[in-house]
Every structure is written in structure tokens, then in C-alpha cells.
Amino acid sequence: MPKFNFQSPYTISQEEIKKKVNKGVQKFGANVDWKNENECHFSGEYNGIKVSGSFIIKDEVVDISMNLPLVAKPFQGKIKEKVIEELNK
């Protein structure tokens, strides 16, 4: 599966952004595994498309990495938009 990487800036506390990451990943039916206090890995299926990846929370930015099947490649822009929207709600 091709890897898709992007970043999302944030202005709230790291605790709040962690809550948003958890809520957002679970909202889309994925399983979350926190590797440490600032890095989580996820995997799941959304609308029949298998997705996995990670969120790494840094100061003022979240690094997002997703493994998407080729069939989802045309939707990368929409996926990025949706993830950033969820983190900034």
C-alpha cells in the first residue's frame, strides 16, 4: 500500500489534540494503539477501504502517515481535508 504523509498544525494543548486524535480515529471505526504518549498507530476499514497509519504529536503540529490502497489514491486530498477538519473542530 502506498504511504501518504501530511501534517496538521494545532493551537490547543497536547492533551486536547490527543483526545481529538482518539475520537477521530474511533469515529471512523479504526483501532488505536498508543505506542507512547505522543504516538499512536491505527488500523481499520472505512467504506470498504482498509487504512492504517500513525499520528505523531509534536509541538504545534501532528505528523500523519497513512497506508492507503491504490484504489483510494484519487481521494487523498479529500482524506487529508477530512482528517485536518476533525483535528480542528
PDB file of N, CA and C in Angstrom:
ATOM      1  N   MET A   1       0.837  -1.177   0.000  1.00  0.00           N
ATOM      2  CA  MET A   1       0.000   0.000   0.000  1.00  0.00           C
ATOM      3  C   MET A   1       0.885   1.244   0.000  1.00  0.00           C
ATOM      4  N   PRO A   2       0.565   2.209  -0.831  1.00  0.00           N
ATOM      5  CA  PRO A   2       1.338   3.452  -0.850  1.00  0.00           C
ATOM      6  C   PRO A   2       1.155   4.250   0.446  1.00  0.00           C
ATOM      7  N   LYS A   3       2.228   4.887   0.867  1.00  0.00           N
ATOM      8  CA  LYS A   3       2.214   5.717   2.059  1.00  0.00           C
ATOM      9  C   LYS A   3       1.844   7.143   1.677  1.00  0.00           C
ATOM     10  N   PHE A   4       1.055   7.770   2.516  1.00  0.00           N
ATOM     11  CA  PHE A   4       0.558   9.125   2.303  1.00  0.00           C
ATOM     12  C   PHE A   4       0.866   9.901   3.578  1.00  0.00           C
ATOM     13  N   ASN A   5       1.693  10.942   3.494  1.00  0.00           N
ATOM     14  CA  ASN A   5       2.120  11.713   4.663  1.00  0.00           C
ATOM     15  C   ASN A   5       1.700  13.169   4.536  1.00  0.00           C
ATOM     16  N   PHE A   6       1.277  13.738   5.657  1.00  0.00           N
ATOM     17  CA  PHE A   6       0.974  15.163   5.706  1.00  0.00           C
ATOM     18  C   PHE A   6       0.994  15.623   7.152  1.00  0.00           C
ATOM     19  N   GLN A   7       0.847  16.927   7.369  1.00  0.00           N
ATOM     20  CA  GLN A   7       0.854  17.500   8.709  1.00  0.00           C
ATOM     21  C   GLN A   7      -0.387  18.338   8.934  1.00  0.00           C
ATOM     22  N   SER A   8      -0.749  18.454  10.215  1.00  0.00           N
ATOM     23  CA  SER A   8      -1.851  19.330  10.603  1.00  0.00           C
ATOM     24  C   SER A   8      -1.403  20.163  11.793  1.00  0.00           C
ATOM     25  N   PRO A   9      -1.349  21.484  11.630  1.00  0.00           N
ATOM     26  CA  PRO A   9      -0.994  22.325  12.772  1.00  0.00           C
ATOM     27  C   PRO A   9      -2.148  22.376  13.779  1.00  0.00           C
ATOM     28  N   TYR A  10      -1.842  22.673  15.026  1.00  0.00           N
ATOM     29  CA  TYR A  10      -2.872  22.837  16.042  1.00  0.00           C
ATOM     30  C   TYR A  10      -2.442  23.910  17.035  1.00  0.00           C
ATOM     31  N   THR A  11      -3.417  24.492  17.723  1.00  0.00           N
ATOM     32  CA  THR A  11      -3.128  25.568  18.680  1.00  0.00           C
ATOM     33  C   THR A  11      -3.653  25.264  20.079  1.00  0.00           C
ATOM     34  N   ILE A  12      -4.187  24.057  20.290  1.00  0.00           N
ATOM     35  CA  ILE A  12      -4.690  23.671  21.595  1.00  0.00           C
ATOM     36  C   ILE A  12      -3.603  22.883  22.339  1.00  0.00           C
ATOM     37  N   SER A  13      -3.890  22.459  23.557  1.00  0.00           N
ATOM     38  CA  SER A  13      -2.896  21.706  24.325  1.00  0.00           C
ATOM     39  C   SER A  13      -2.671  20.319  23.704  1.00  0.00           C
ATOM     40  N   GLN A  14      -1.542  19.707  24.043  1.00  0.00           N
ATOM     41  CA  GLN A  14      -1.261  18.367  23.533  1.00  0.00           C
ATOM     42  C   GLN A  14      -2.280  17.363  24.064  1.00  0.00           C
ATOM     43  N   GLU A  15      -2.739  17.534  25.285  1.00  0.00           N
ATOM     44  CA  GLU A  15      -3.771  16.639  25.831  1.00  0.00           C
ATOM     45  C   GLU A  15      -5.050  16.710  25.005  1.00  0.00           C
ATOM     46  N   GLU A  16      -5.455  17.915  24.624  1.00  0.00           N
ATOM     47  CA  GLU A  16      -6.668  18.086  23.824  1.00  0.00           C
ATOM     48  C   GLU A  16      -6.506  17.501  22.424  1.00  0.00           C
ATOM     49  N   ILE A  17      -5.337  17.681  21.825  1.00  0.00           N
ATOM     50  CA  ILE A  17      -5.146  17.134  20.477  1.00  0.00           C
ATOM     51  C   ILE A  17      -5.123  15.609  20.537  1.00  0.00           C
ATOM     52  N   LYS A  18      -4.591  15.029  21.614  1.00  0.00           N
ATOM     53  CA  LYS A  18      -4.606  13.566  21.780  1.00  0.00           C
ATOM     54  C   LYS A  18      -6.049  13.062  21.850  1.00  0.00           C
ATOM     55  N   LYS A  19      -6.892  13.785  22.572  1.00  0.00           N
ATOM     56  CA  LYS A  19      -8.309  13.408  22.662  1.00  0.00           C
ATOM     57  C   LYS A  19      -8.963  13.456  21.285  1.00  0.00           C
ATOM     58  N   LYS A  20      -8.630  14.482  20.509  1.00  0.00           N
ATOM     59  CA  LYS A  20      -9.207  14.614  19.165  1.00  0.00           C
ATOM     60  C   LYS A  20      -8.714  13.500  18.240  1.00  0.00           C
ATOM     61  N   VAL A  21      -7.451  13.134  18.360  1.00  0.00           N
ATOM     62  CA  VAL A  21      -6.916  12.025  17.555  1.00  0.00           C
ATOM     63  C   VAL A  21      -7.677  10.747  17.898  1.00  0.00           C
ATOM     64  N   ASN A  22      -7.791  10.458  19.196  1.00  0.00           N
ATOM     65  CA  ASN A  22      -8.519   9.261  19.634  1.00  0.00           C
ATOM     66  C   ASN A  22      -9.946   9.247  19.121  1.00  0.00           C
ATOM     67  N   LYS A  23     -10.642  10.340  19.338  1.00  0.00           N
ATOM     68  CA  LYS A  23     -12.050  10.441  18.938  1.00  0.00           C
ATOM     69  C   LYS A  23     -12.198  10.296  17.419  1.00  0.00           C
ATOM     70  N   GLY A  24     -11.344  10.981  16.675  1.00  0.00           N
ATOM     71  CA  GLY A  24     -11.423  10.952  15.217  1.00  0.00           C
ATOM     72  C   GLY A  24     -11.145   9.575  14.647  1.00  0.00           C
ATOM     73  N   VAL A  25     -10.114   8.913  15.159  1.00  0.00           N
ATOM     74  CA  VAL A  25      -9.776   7.581  14.658  1.00  0.00           C
ATOM     75  C   VAL A  25     -10.903   6.606  14.970  1.00  0.00           C
ATOM     76  N   GLN A  26     -11.420   6.668  16.185  1.00  0.00           N
ATOM     77  CA  GLN A  26     -12.503   5.766  16.566  1.00  0.00           C
ATOM     78  C   GLN A  26     -13.792   6.073  15.810  1.00  0.00           C
ATOM     79  N   LYS A  27     -14.014   7.343  15.494  1.00  0.00           N
ATOM     80  CA  LYS A  27     -15.209   7.733  14.735  1.00  0.00           C
ATOM     81  C   LYS A  27     -15.249   7.030  13.381  1.00  0.00           C
ATOM     82  N   PHE A  28     -14.083   6.795  12.820  1.00  0.00           N
ATOM     83  CA  PHE A  28     -14.012   6.151  11.519  1.00  0.00           C
ATOM     84  C   PHE A  28     -13.794   4.646  11.628  1.00  0.00           C
ATOM     85  N   GLY A  29     -14.034   4.100  12.820  1.00  0.00           N
ATOM     86  CA  GLY A  29     -14.035   2.657  13.006  1.00  0.00           C
ATOM     87  C   GLY A  29     -12.680   1.988  13.064  1.00  0.00           C
ATOM     88  N   ALA A  30     -11.636   2.737  13.304  1.00  0.00           N
ATOM     89  CA  ALA A  30     -10.297   2.142  13.368  1.00  0.00           C
ATOM     90  C   ALA A  30      -9.916   1.818  14.810  1.00  0.00           C
ATOM     91  N   ASN A  31      -9.011   0.899  14.960  1.00  0.00           N
ATOM     92  CA  ASN A  31      -8.445   0.557  16.262  1.00  0.00           C
ATOM     93  C   ASN A  31      -7.242   1.445  16.517  1.00  0.00           C
ATOM     94  N   VAL A  32      -7.071   1.873  17.769  1.00  0.00           N
ATOM     95  CA  VAL A  32      -5.980   2.767  18.140  1.00  0.00           C
ATOM     96  C   VAL A  32      -5.048   2.061  19.106  1.00  0.00           C
ATOM     97  N   ASP A  33      -3.743   2.195  18.867  1.00  0.00           N
ATOM     98  CA  ASP A  33      -2.731   1.640  19.757  1.00  0.00           C
ATOM     99  C   ASP A  33      -1.699   2.729  20.031  1.00  0.00           C
ATOM    100  N   TRP A  34      -1.722   3.275  21.249  1.00  0.00           N
ATOM    101  CA  TRP A  34      -0.757   4.316  21.623  1.00  0.00           C
ATOM    102  C   TRP A  34       0.573   3.653  21.958  1.00  0.00           C
ATOM    103  N   LYS A  35       1.606   3.978  21.187  1.00  0.00           N
ATOM    104  CA  LYS A  35       2.946   3.423  21.394  1.00  0.00           C
ATOM    105  C   LYS A  35       3.655   4.131  22.538  1.00  0.00           C
ATOM    106  N   ASN A  36       3.395   5.408  22.678  1.00  0.00           N
ATOM    107  CA  ASN A  36       3.879   6.218  23.795  1.00  0.00           C
ATOM    108  C   ASN A  36       2.943   7.405  23.906  1.00  0.00           C
ATOM    109  N   GLU A  37       3.244   8.363  24.735  1.00  0.00           N
ATOM    110  CA  GLU A  37       2.277   9.442  24.965  1.00  0.00           C
ATOM    111  C   GLU A  37       2.049  10.351  23.765  1.00  0.00           C
ATOM    112  N   ASN A  38       2.913  10.305  22.770  1.00  0.00           N
ATOM    113  CA  ASN A  38       2.762  11.186  21.612  1.00  0.00           C
ATOM    114  C   ASN A  38       2.643  10.471  20.269  1.00  0.00           C
ATOM    115  N   GLU A  39       2.559   9.160  20.278  1.00  0.00           N
ATOM    116  CA  GLU A  39       2.494   8.428  19.007  1.00  0.00           C
ATOM    117  C   GLU A  39       1.472   7.304  19.085  1.00  0.00           C
ATOM    118  N   CYS A  40       0.546   7.334  18.136  1.00  0.00           N
ATOM    119  CA  CYS A  40      -0.413   6.234  18.068  1.00  0.00           C
ATOM    120  C   CYS A  40      -0.441   5.669  16.658  1.00  0.00           C
ATOM    121  N   HIS A  41      -0.723   4.379  16.607  1.00  0.00           N
ATOM    122  CA  HIS A  41      -0.887   3.683  15.334  1.00  0.00           C
ATOM    123  C   HIS A  41      -2.347   3.254  15.251  1.00  0.00           C
ATOM    124  N   PHE A  42      -2.874   3.222  14.050  1.00  0.00           N
ATOM    125  CA  PHE A  42      -4.273   2.847  13.873  1.00  0.00           C
ATOM    126  C   PHE A  42      -4.413   1.935  12.668  1.00  0.00           C
ATOM    127  N   SER A  43      -5.491   1.172  12.682  1.00  0.00           N
ATOM    128  CA  SER A  43      -5.827   0.350  11.520  1.00  0.00           C
ATOM    129  C   SER A  43      -7.324   0.091  11.546  1.00  0.00           C
ATOM    130  N   GLY A  44      -7.887   0.003  10.386  1.00  0.00           N
ATOM    131  CA  GLY A  44      -9.310  -0.247  10.292  1.00  0.00           C
ATOM    132  C   GLY A  44      -9.781  -0.233   8.856  1.00  0.00           C
ATOM    133  N   GLU A  45     -11.085  -0.195   8.711  1.00  0.00           N
ATOM    134  CA  GLU A  45     -11.707  -0.196   7.393  1.00  0.00           C
ATOM    135  C   GLU A  45     -12.799   0.859   7.389  1.00  0.00           C
ATOM    136  N   TYR A  46     -12.798   1.696   6.350  1.00  0.00           N
ATOM    137  CA  TYR A  46     -13.796   2.745   6.219  1.00  0.00           C
ATOM    138  C   TYR A  46     -14.380   2.672   4.820  1.00  0.00           C
ATOM    139  N   ASN A  47     -15.699   2.509   4.738  1.00  0.00           N
ATOM    140  CA  ASN A  47     -16.376   2.370   3.444  1.00  0.00           C
ATOM    141  C   ASN A  47     -15.735   1.299   2.567  1.00  0.00           C
ATOM    142  N   GLY A  48     -15.338   0.185   3.202  1.00  0.00           N
ATOM    143  CA  GLY A  48     -14.761  -0.927   2.461  1.00  0.00           C
ATOM    144  C   GLY A  48     -13.301  -0.767   2.094  1.00  0.00           C
ATOM    145  N   ILE A  49     -12.662   0.309   2.539  1.00  0.00           N
ATOM    146  CA  ILE A  49     -11.261   0.554   2.222  1.00  0.00           C
ATOM    147  C   ILE A  49     -10.429   0.377   3.485  1.00  0.00           C
ATOM    148  N   LYS A  50      -9.431  -0.510   3.425  1.00  0.00           N
ATOM    149  CA  LYS A  50      -8.552  -0.738   4.568  1.00  0.00           C
ATOM    150  C   LYS A  50      -7.539   0.392   4.664  1.00  0.00           C
ATOM    151  N   VAL A  51      -7.400   0.910   5.881  1.00  0.00           N
ATOM    152  CA  VAL A  51      -6.500   2.034   6.139  1.00  0.00           C
ATOM    153  C   VAL A  51      -5.708   1.729   7.401  1.00  0.00           C
ATOM    154  N   SER A  52      -4.446   2.129   7.414  1.00  0.00           N
ATOM    155  CA  SER A  52      -3.630   2.045   8.617  1.00  0.00           C
ATOM    156  C   SER A  52      -2.657   3.211   8.590  1.00  0.00           C
ATOM    157  N   GLY A  53      -2.027   3.455   9.725  1.00  0.00           N
ATOM    158  CA  GLY A  53      -1.062   4.543   9.766  1.00  0.00           C
ATOM    159  C   GLY A  53      -0.745   4.977  11.170  1.00  0.00           C
ATOM    160  N   SER A  54      -0.270   6.221  11.286  1.00  0.00           N
ATOM    161  CA  SER A  54       0.116   6.729  12.593  1.00  0.00           C
ATOM    162  C   SER A  54      -0.088   8.236  12.690  1.00  0.00           C
ATOM    163  N   PHE A  55      -0.222   8.671  13.933  1.00  0.00           N
ATOM    164  CA  PHE A  55      -0.243  10.086  14.283  1.00  0.00           C
ATOM    165  C   PHE A  55       0.907  10.299  15.252  1.00  0.00           C
ATOM    166  N   ILE A  56       1.760  11.263  14.981  1.00  0.00           N
ATOM    167  CA  ILE A  56       2.830  11.617  15.903  1.00  0.00           C
ATOM    168  C   ILE A  56       2.598  13.077  16.282  1.00  0.00           C
ATOM    169  N   ILE A  57       2.335  13.295  17.561  1.00  0.00           N
ATOM    170  CA  ILE A  57       2.015  14.633  18.060  1.00  0.00           C
ATOM    171  C   ILE A  57       3.308  15.321  18.478  1.00  0.00           C
ATOM    172  N   LYS A  58       3.585  16.439  17.819  1.00  0.00           N
ATOM    173  CA  LYS A  58       4.758  17.255  18.126  1.00  0.00           C
ATOM    174  C   LYS A  58       4.264  18.613  18.604  1.00  0.00           C
ATOM    175  N   ASP A  59       5.172  19.483  18.981  1.00  0.00           N
ATOM    176  CA  ASP A  59       4.779  20.831  19.382  1.00  0.00           C
ATOM    177  C   ASP A  59       4.137  21.543  18.203  1.00  0.00           C
ATOM    178  N   GLU A  60       2.871  21.876  18.331  1.00  0.00           N
ATOM    179  CA  GLU A  60       2.103  22.677  17.380  1.00  0.00           C
ATOM    180  C   GLU A  60       1.790  22.010  16.040  1.00  0.00           C
ATOM    181  N   VAL A  61       2.176  20.743  15.850  1.00  0.00           N
ATOM    182  CA  VAL A  61       1.877  20.058  14.595  1.00  0.00           C
ATOM    183  C   VAL A  61       1.717  18.557  14.851  1.00  0.00           C
ATOM    184  N   VAL A  62       0.830  17.942  14.087  1.00  0.00           N
ATOM    185  CA  VAL A  62       0.657  16.491  14.123  1.00  0.00           C
ATOM    186  C   VAL A  62       1.136  15.944  12.781  1.00  0.00           C
ATOM    187  N   ASP A  63       2.080  15.004  12.838  1.00  0.00           N
ATOM    188  CA  ASP A  63       2.529  14.312  11.631  1.00  0.00           C
ATOM    189  C   ASP A  63       1.611  13.118  11.425  1.00  0.00           C
ATOM    190  N   ILE A  64       1.031  13.019  10.250  1.00  0.00           N
ATOM    191  CA  ILE A  64       0.092  11.944   9.951  1.00  0.00           C
ATOM    192  C   ILE A  64       0.651  11.127   8.791  1.00  0.00           C
ATOM    193  N   SER A  65       0.649   9.831   8.975  1.00  0.00           N
ATOM    194  CA  SER A  65       1.113   8.913   7.938  1.00  0.00           C
ATOM    195  C   SER A  65       0.033   7.856   7.760  1.00  0.00           C
ATOM    196  N   MET A  66      -0.385   7.642   6.520  1.00  0.00           N
ATOM    197  CA  MET A  66      -1.431   6.661   6.237  1.00  0.00           C
ATOM    198  C   MET A  66      -0.976   5.727   5.133  1.00  0.00           C
ATOM    199  N   ASN A  67      -1.352   4.484   5.290  1.00  0.00           N
ATOM    200  CA  ASN A  67      -1.157   3.491   4.244  1.00  0.00           C
ATOM    201  C   ASN A  67      -2.518   3.288   3.590  1.00  0.00           C
ATOM    202  N   LEU A  68      -2.607   3.652   2.331  1.00  0.00           N
ATOM    203  CA  LEU A  68      -3.871   3.575   1.600  1.00  0.00           C
ATOM    204  C   LEU A  68      -3.732   2.644   0.401  1.00  0.00           C
ATOM    205  N   PRO A  69      -4.760   1.881   0.087  1.00  0.00           N
ATOM    206  CA  PRO A  69      -4.705   1.061  -1.129  1.00  0.00           C
ATOM    207  C   PRO A  69      -4.731   1.967  -2.366  1.00  0.00           C
ATOM    208  N   LEU A  70      -4.256   1.441  -3.458  1.00  0.00           N
ATOM    209  CA  LEU A  70      -4.211   2.223  -4.706  1.00  0.00           C
ATOM    210  C   LEU A  70      -5.582   2.767  -5.092  1.00  0.00           C
ATOM    211  N   VAL A  71      -6.634   2.034  -4.789  1.00  0.00           N
ATOM    212  CA  VAL A  71      -7.981   2.472  -5.145  1.00  0.00           C
ATOM    213  C   VAL A  71      -8.346   3.792  -4.437  1.00  0.00           C
ATOM    214  N   ALA A  72      -7.709   4.074  -3.297  1.00  0.00           N
ATOM    215  CA  ALA A  72      -8.007   5.296  -2.539  1.00  0.00           C
ATOM    216  C   ALA A  72      -7.124   6.477  -2.946  1.00  0.00           C
ATOM    217  N   LYS A  73      -6.122   6.251  -3.758  1.00  0.00           N
ATOM    218  CA  LYS A  73      -5.192   7.311  -4.152  1.00  0.00           C
ATOM    219  C   LYS A  73      -5.893   8.559  -4.705  1.00  0.00           C
ATOM    220  N   PRO A  74      -6.923   8.424  -5.542  1.00  0.00           N
ATOM    221  CA  PRO A  74      -7.590   9.624  -6.051  1.00  0.00           C
ATOM    222  C   PRO A  74      -8.292  10.448  -4.956  1.00  0.00           C
ATOM    223  N   PHE A  75      -8.479   9.857  -3.779  1.00  0.00           N
ATOM    224  CA  PHE A  75      -9.192  10.535  -2.705  1.00  0.00           C
ATOM    225  C   PHE A  75      -8.265  11.108  -1.628  1.00  0.00           C
ATOM    226  N   GLN A  76      -6.962  11.095  -1.879  1.00  0.00           N
ATOM    227  CA  GLN A  76      -6.006  11.582  -0.884  1.00  0.00           C
ATOM    228  C   GLN A  76      -6.306  13.007  -0.428  1.00  0.00           C
ATOM    229  N   GLY A  77      -6.617  13.884  -1.341  1.00  0.00           N
ATOM    230  CA  GLY A  77      -6.913  15.276  -0.991  1.00  0.00           C
ATOM    231  C   GLY A  77      -8.117  15.373  -0.068  1.00  0.00           C
ATOM    232  N   LYS A  78      -9.162  14.622  -0.368  1.00  0.00           N
ATOM    233  CA  LYS A  78     -10.376  14.608   0.436  1.00  0.00           C
ATOM    234  C   LYS A  78     -10.101  14.015   1.819  1.00  0.00           C
ATOM    235  N   ILE A  79      -9.302  12.956   1.864  1.00  0.00           N
ATOM    236  CA  ILE A  79      -8.948  12.318   3.133  1.00  0.00           C
ATOM    237  C   ILE A  79      -8.162  13.292   4.002  1.00  0.00           C
ATOM    238  N   LYS A  80      -7.180  13.952   3.409  1.00  0.00           N
ATOM    239  CA  LYS A  80      -6.381  14.940   4.144  1.00  0.00           C
ATOM    240  C   LYS A  80      -7.277  16.038   4.703  1.00  0.00           C
ATOM    241  N   GLU A  81      -8.165  16.558   3.869  1.00  0.00           N
ATOM    242  CA  GLU A  81      -9.115  17.596   4.291  1.00  0.00           C
ATOM    243  C   GLU A  81      -9.928  17.154   5.492  1.00  0.00           C
ATOM    244  N   LYS A  82     -10.447  15.942   5.427  1.00  0.00           N
ATOM    245  CA  LYS A  82     -11.327  15.409   6.482  1.00  0.00           C
ATOM    246  C   LYS A  82     -10.555  15.218   7.788  1.00  0.00           C
ATOM    247  N   VAL A  83      -9.356  14.693   7.708  1.00  0.00           N
ATOM    248  CA  VAL A  83      -8.543  14.489   8.916  1.00  0.00           C
ATOM    249  C   VAL A  83      -8.229  15.831   9.570  1.00  0.00           C
ATOM    250  N   ILE A  84      -7.787  16.797   8.784  1.00  0.00           N
ATOM    251  CA  ILE A  84      -7.471  18.112   9.324  1.00  0.00           C
ATOM    252  C   ILE A  84      -8.711  18.767   9.903  1.00  0.00           C
ATOM    253  N   GLU A  85      -9.841  18.621   9.241  1.00  0.00           N
ATOM    254  CA  GLU A  85     -11.115  19.158   9.754  1.00  0.00           C
ATOM    255  C   GLU A  85     -11.451  18.547  11.115  1.00  0.00           C
ATOM    256  N   GLU A  86     -11.311  17.232  11.241  1.00  0.00           N
ATOM    257  CA  GLU A  86     -11.610  16.555  12.517  1.00  0.00           C
ATOM    258  C   GLU A  86     -10.695  17.035  13.631  1.00  0.00           C
ATOM    259  N   LEU A  87      -9.420  17.252  13.323  1.00  0.00           N
ATOM    260  CA  LEU A  87      -8.482  17.696  14.343  1.00  0.00           C
ATOM    261  C   LEU A  87      -8.682  19.146  14.752  1.00  0.00           C
ATOM    262  N   ASN A  88      -9.319  19.921  13.894  1.00  0.00           N
ATOM    263  CA  ASN A  88      -9.507  21.345  14.183  1.00  0.00           C
ATOM    264  C   ASN A  88     -10.915  21.728  14.588  1.00  0.00           C
ATOM    265  N   LYS A  89     -11.776  20.728  14.827  1.00  0.00           N
ATOM    266  CA  LYS A  89     -13.159  21.007  15.276  1.00  0.00           C
ATOM    267  C   LYS A  89     -13.150  21.602  16.655  1.00  0.00           C
TER     268      LYS A  89
END
